[in-house]
Amino acid sequence: MADAATILSSERGISLRQAYRYLEQAQAIGHAVPIAEPSIPVTFKIPGEVIHQLRAYSAASELTLSEIVARALKAFLSTVRPRTRHG
């Protein structure tokens, strides 16, 4: 466990204490969990009413704002065709 915590800490840039917490949680789950793609912080301007609704949904669903927005964007992007450049 000590070696795994040290490797996790250095590879993911987290504290050793947090690495131990993650490993303890992983042991409690009892099965492999897929590694999530790293997130990239971005800034958007969104109308206040949309944010109000988003926060309400987040509280009711227990999903983070980021998870809700990522899911919504993936759903939207799956419905549009990419534009190709001509030239």
N, C-alpha and C. Protein backbone atom coordinates (compact mmCIF):
# COMPACT_ATOMS: atom_id res chain seq x y z
N MET A 1 0.84 -1.19 0.00
CA MET A 1 0.00 0.00 0.00
C MET A 1 0.88 1.26 0.00
N ALA A 2 1.99 1.22 0.73
CA ALA A 2 2.87 2.40 0.81
C ALA A 2 3.45 2.73 -0.56
N ASP A 3 3.89 1.70 -1.29
CA ASP A 3 4.45 1.94 -2.63
C ASP A 3 3.39 2.51 -3.57
N ALA A 4 2.19 1.92 -3.51
CA ALA A 4 1.11 2.40 -4.38
C ALA A 4 0.75 3.85 -4.06
N ALA A 5 0.71 4.19 -2.79
CA ALA A 5 0.39 5.56 -2.38
C ALA A 5 1.46 6.54 -2.86
N THR A 6 2.70 6.14 -2.76
CA THR A 6 3.80 7.00 -3.21
C THR A 6 3.73 7.24 -4.71
N ILE A 7 3.47 6.17 -5.46
CA ILE A 7 3.37 6.30 -6.93
C ILE A 7 2.16 7.16 -7.30
N LEU A 8 1.02 6.89 -6.69
CA LEU A 8 -0.19 7.66 -6.98
C LEU A 8 0.02 9.13 -6.67
N SER A 9 0.65 9.40 -5.54
CA SER A 9 0.92 10.78 -5.14
C SER A 9 1.79 11.51 -6.16
N SER A 10 2.85 10.86 -6.60
CA SER A 10 3.76 11.54 -7.53
C SER A 10 3.18 11.63 -8.94
N GLU A 11 2.47 10.59 -9.39
CA GLU A 11 1.92 10.62 -10.76
C GLU A 11 0.76 11.58 -10.89
N ARG A 12 -0.03 11.73 -9.86
CA ARG A 12 -1.23 12.57 -9.94
C ARG A 12 -1.08 13.92 -9.27
N GLY A 13 0.07 14.17 -8.67
CA GLY A 13 0.31 15.47 -8.05
C GLY A 13 -0.59 15.74 -6.86
N ILE A 14 -0.84 14.70 -6.07
CA ILE A 14 -1.67 14.84 -4.87
C ILE A 14 -0.83 14.53 -3.65
N SER A 15 -1.33 14.89 -2.48
CA SER A 15 -0.59 14.61 -1.26
C SER A 15 -0.59 13.11 -0.99
N LEU A 16 0.39 12.68 -0.23
CA LEU A 16 0.49 11.27 0.14
C LEU A 16 -0.74 10.87 0.96
N ARG A 17 -1.18 11.76 1.82
CA ARG A 17 -2.37 11.49 2.64
C ARG A 17 -3.60 11.25 1.76
N GLN A 18 -3.77 12.10 0.74
CA GLN A 18 -4.91 11.95 -0.17
C GLN A 18 -4.78 10.66 -0.97
N ALA A 19 -3.56 10.30 -1.36
CA ALA A 19 -3.34 9.06 -2.09
C ALA A 19 -3.77 7.86 -1.25
N TYR A 20 -3.43 7.87 0.03
CA TYR A 20 -3.87 6.79 0.93
C TYR A 20 -5.40 6.73 1.01
N ARG A 21 -6.03 7.91 1.08
CA ARG A 21 -7.50 7.94 1.13
C ARG A 21 -8.10 7.29 -0.12
N TYR A 22 -7.57 7.65 -1.28
CA TYR A 22 -8.06 7.08 -2.52
C TYR A 22 -7.88 5.57 -2.55
N LEU A 23 -6.73 5.11 -2.10
CA LEU A 23 -6.46 3.67 -2.10
C LEU A 23 -7.39 2.94 -1.12
N GLU A 24 -7.64 3.54 0.03
CA GLU A 24 -8.57 2.93 0.98
C GLU A 24 -9.98 2.86 0.41
N GLN A 25 -10.40 3.91 -0.29
CA GLN A 25 -11.71 3.91 -0.93
C GLN A 25 -11.77 2.85 -2.02
N ALA A 26 -10.69 2.71 -2.78
CA ALA A 26 -10.65 1.71 -3.85
C ALA A 26 -10.75 0.30 -3.27
N GLN A 27 -10.09 0.05 -2.15
CA GLN A 27 -10.18 -1.26 -1.52
C GLN A 27 -11.60 -1.55 -1.07
N ALA A 28 -12.28 -0.54 -0.57
CA ALA A 28 -13.65 -0.72 -0.08
C ALA A 28 -14.62 -1.04 -1.22
N ILE A 29 -14.35 -0.52 -2.42
CA ILE A 29 -15.22 -0.78 -3.57
C ILE A 29 -15.14 -2.25 -3.97
N GLY A 30 -13.94 -2.80 -3.96
CA GLY A 30 -13.78 -4.22 -4.23
C GLY A 30 -13.67 -4.62 -5.69
N HIS A 31 -13.65 -3.65 -6.61
CA HIS A 31 -13.48 -3.97 -8.02
C HIS A 31 -12.78 -2.81 -8.71
N ALA A 32 -12.27 -3.07 -9.90
CA ALA A 32 -11.55 -2.03 -10.66
C ALA A 32 -12.50 -0.91 -11.06
N VAL A 33 -12.01 0.30 -11.00
CA VAL A 33 -12.79 1.48 -11.38
C VAL A 33 -12.03 2.18 -12.51
N PRO A 34 -12.73 2.52 -13.60
CA PRO A 34 -12.03 3.17 -14.72
C PRO A 34 -11.47 4.53 -14.29
N ILE A 35 -10.31 4.86 -14.85
CA ILE A 35 -9.68 6.14 -14.56
C ILE A 35 -10.34 7.21 -15.42
N ALA A 36 -10.78 8.27 -14.77
CA ALA A 36 -11.44 9.36 -15.49
C ALA A 36 -10.42 10.20 -16.25
N GLU A 37 -10.86 10.72 -17.36
CA GLU A 37 -10.02 11.62 -18.14
C GLU A 37 -9.79 12.90 -17.34
N PRO A 38 -8.56 13.42 -17.33
CA PRO A 38 -8.31 14.64 -16.57
C PRO A 38 -9.17 15.80 -17.08
N SER A 39 -9.61 16.63 -16.18
CA SER A 39 -10.42 17.79 -16.54
C SER A 39 -9.54 19.00 -16.76
N ILE A 40 -10.00 19.89 -17.62
CA ILE A 40 -9.29 21.13 -17.92
C ILE A 40 -10.19 22.28 -17.51
N PRO A 41 -9.71 23.16 -16.63
CA PRO A 41 -10.55 24.28 -16.23
C PRO A 41 -10.79 25.25 -17.39
N VAL A 42 -12.04 25.67 -17.55
CA VAL A 42 -12.42 26.66 -18.56
C VAL A 42 -13.39 27.65 -17.92
N THR A 43 -13.55 28.79 -18.54
CA THR A 43 -14.47 29.81 -18.03
C THR A 43 -15.50 30.13 -19.10
N PHE A 44 -16.77 30.11 -18.72
CA PHE A 44 -17.86 30.46 -19.61
C PHE A 44 -18.73 31.51 -18.92
N LYS A 45 -19.36 32.34 -19.72
CA LYS A 45 -20.37 33.25 -19.20
C LYS A 45 -21.72 32.65 -19.54
N ILE A 46 -22.52 32.38 -18.51
CA ILE A 46 -23.81 31.74 -18.67
C ILE A 46 -24.86 32.61 -17.99
N PRO A 47 -26.03 32.77 -18.60
CA PRO A 47 -27.06 33.61 -17.98
C PRO A 47 -27.40 33.15 -16.55
N GLY A 48 -27.70 34.12 -15.70
CA GLY A 48 -27.98 33.86 -14.30
C GLY A 48 -29.08 32.85 -14.07
N GLU A 49 -30.15 32.92 -14.85
CA GLU A 49 -31.27 31.98 -14.67
C GLU A 49 -30.83 30.55 -14.98
N VAL A 50 -29.98 30.38 -15.96
CA VAL A 50 -29.47 29.04 -16.29
C VAL A 50 -28.63 28.51 -15.13
N ILE A 51 -27.79 29.36 -14.56
CA ILE A 51 -26.97 28.96 -13.41
C ILE A 51 -27.86 28.60 -12.23
N HIS A 52 -28.91 29.36 -12.00
CA HIS A 52 -29.84 29.07 -10.91
C HIS A 52 -30.45 27.68 -11.09
N GLN A 53 -30.90 27.39 -12.31
CA GLN A 53 -31.48 26.07 -12.59
C GLN A 53 -30.43 24.96 -12.48
N LEU A 54 -29.24 25.25 -12.95
CA LEU A 54 -28.15 24.27 -12.88
C LEU A 54 -27.81 23.93 -11.44
N ARG A 55 -27.72 24.94 -10.59
CA ARG A 55 -27.41 24.70 -9.17
C ARG A 55 -28.53 23.93 -8.48
N ALA A 56 -29.76 24.24 -8.82
CA ALA A 56 -30.89 23.52 -8.23
C ALA A 56 -30.86 22.05 -8.65
N TYR A 57 -30.59 21.82 -9.93
CA TYR A 57 -30.51 20.43 -10.40
C TYR A 57 -29.34 19.70 -9.76
N SER A 58 -28.23 20.41 -9.59
CA SER A 58 -27.05 19.82 -8.96
C SER A 58 -27.37 19.37 -7.53
N ALA A 59 -28.05 20.22 -6.79
CA ALA A 59 -28.41 19.88 -5.41
C ALA A 59 -29.36 18.69 -5.36
N ALA A 60 -30.32 18.66 -6.26
CA ALA A 60 -31.32 17.59 -6.27
C ALA A 60 -30.73 16.26 -6.75
N SER A 61 -29.82 16.32 -7.69
CA SER A 61 -29.28 15.09 -8.30
C SER A 61 -28.00 14.60 -7.62
N GLU A 62 -27.41 15.46 -6.79
CA GLU A 62 -26.12 15.18 -6.15
C GLU A 62 -24.99 15.00 -7.16
N LEU A 63 -25.15 15.62 -8.34
CA LEU A 63 -24.08 15.67 -9.34
C LEU A 63 -23.41 17.03 -9.24
N THR A 64 -22.13 17.09 -9.57
CA THR A 64 -21.44 18.37 -9.56
C THR A 64 -21.86 19.19 -10.78
N LEU A 65 -21.66 20.48 -10.69
CA LEU A 65 -21.94 21.35 -11.83
C LEU A 65 -21.12 20.91 -13.04
N SER A 66 -19.88 20.57 -12.81
CA SER A 66 -19.01 20.14 -13.91
C SER A 66 -19.53 18.88 -14.58
N GLU A 67 -20.00 17.92 -13.78
CA GLU A 67 -20.52 16.67 -14.35
C GLU A 67 -21.77 16.94 -15.19
N ILE A 68 -22.65 17.78 -14.70
CA ILE A 68 -23.88 18.10 -15.44
C ILE A 68 -23.54 18.79 -16.76
N VAL A 69 -22.66 19.77 -16.71
CA VAL A 69 -22.29 20.51 -17.93
C VAL A 69 -21.57 19.58 -18.91
N ALA A 70 -20.67 18.74 -18.42
CA ALA A 70 -19.96 17.82 -19.31
C ALA A 70 -20.94 16.87 -19.99
N ARG A 71 -21.89 16.33 -19.24
CA ARG A 71 -22.88 15.42 -19.83
C ARG A 71 -23.73 16.13 -20.87
N ALA A 72 -24.13 17.36 -20.56
CA ALA A 72 -24.96 18.12 -21.50
C ALA A 72 -24.19 18.43 -22.78
N LEU A 73 -22.93 18.81 -22.64
CA LEU A 73 -22.13 19.11 -23.82
C LEU A 73 -21.87 17.86 -24.66
N LYS A 74 -21.61 16.73 -24.01
CA LYS A 74 -21.41 15.48 -24.76
C LYS A 74 -22.69 15.11 -25.52
N ALA A 75 -23.84 15.26 -24.87
CA ALA A 75 -25.11 14.94 -25.53
C ALA A 75 -25.31 15.86 -26.73
N PHE A 76 -25.05 17.15 -26.57
CA PHE A 76 -25.20 18.10 -27.66
C PHE A 76 -24.25 17.75 -28.80
N LEU A 77 -22.98 17.53 -28.46
CA LEU A 77 -21.98 17.26 -29.49
C LEU A 77 -22.24 15.96 -30.25
N SER A 78 -22.91 15.02 -29.62
CA SER A 78 -23.22 13.77 -30.31
C SER A 78 -24.31 13.96 -31.36
N THR A 79 -25.01 15.09 -31.33
CA THR A 79 -26.09 15.34 -32.28
C THR A 79 -25.68 16.22 -33.45
N VAL A 80 -24.51 16.82 -33.38
CA VAL A 80 -24.08 17.73 -34.45
C VAL A 80 -22.97 17.08 -35.25
N ARG A 81 -22.95 17.40 -36.53
CA ARG A 81 -21.89 16.90 -37.39
C ARG A 81 -20.75 17.91 -37.42
N PRO A 82 -19.51 17.43 -37.36
CA PRO A 82 -18.40 18.39 -37.46
C PRO A 82 -18.35 19.03 -38.84
N ARG A 83 -18.01 20.27 -38.88
CA ARG A 83 -17.87 20.96 -40.16
C ARG A 83 -16.50 20.65 -40.73
N THR A 84 -16.43 20.50 -42.02
CA THR A 84 -15.15 20.26 -42.67
C THR A 84 -14.71 21.53 -43.38
N ARG A 85 -13.41 21.71 -43.46
CA ARG A 85 -12.86 22.88 -44.13
C ARG A 85 -12.68 22.57 -45.61
N HIS A 86 -13.01 23.52 -46.41
CA HIS A 86 -12.79 23.37 -47.85
C HIS A 86 -11.67 24.32 -48.23
N GLY A 87 -10.77 23.83 -49.02
CA GLY A 87 -9.77 24.79 -49.43
C GLY A 87 -8.53 24.18 -49.74
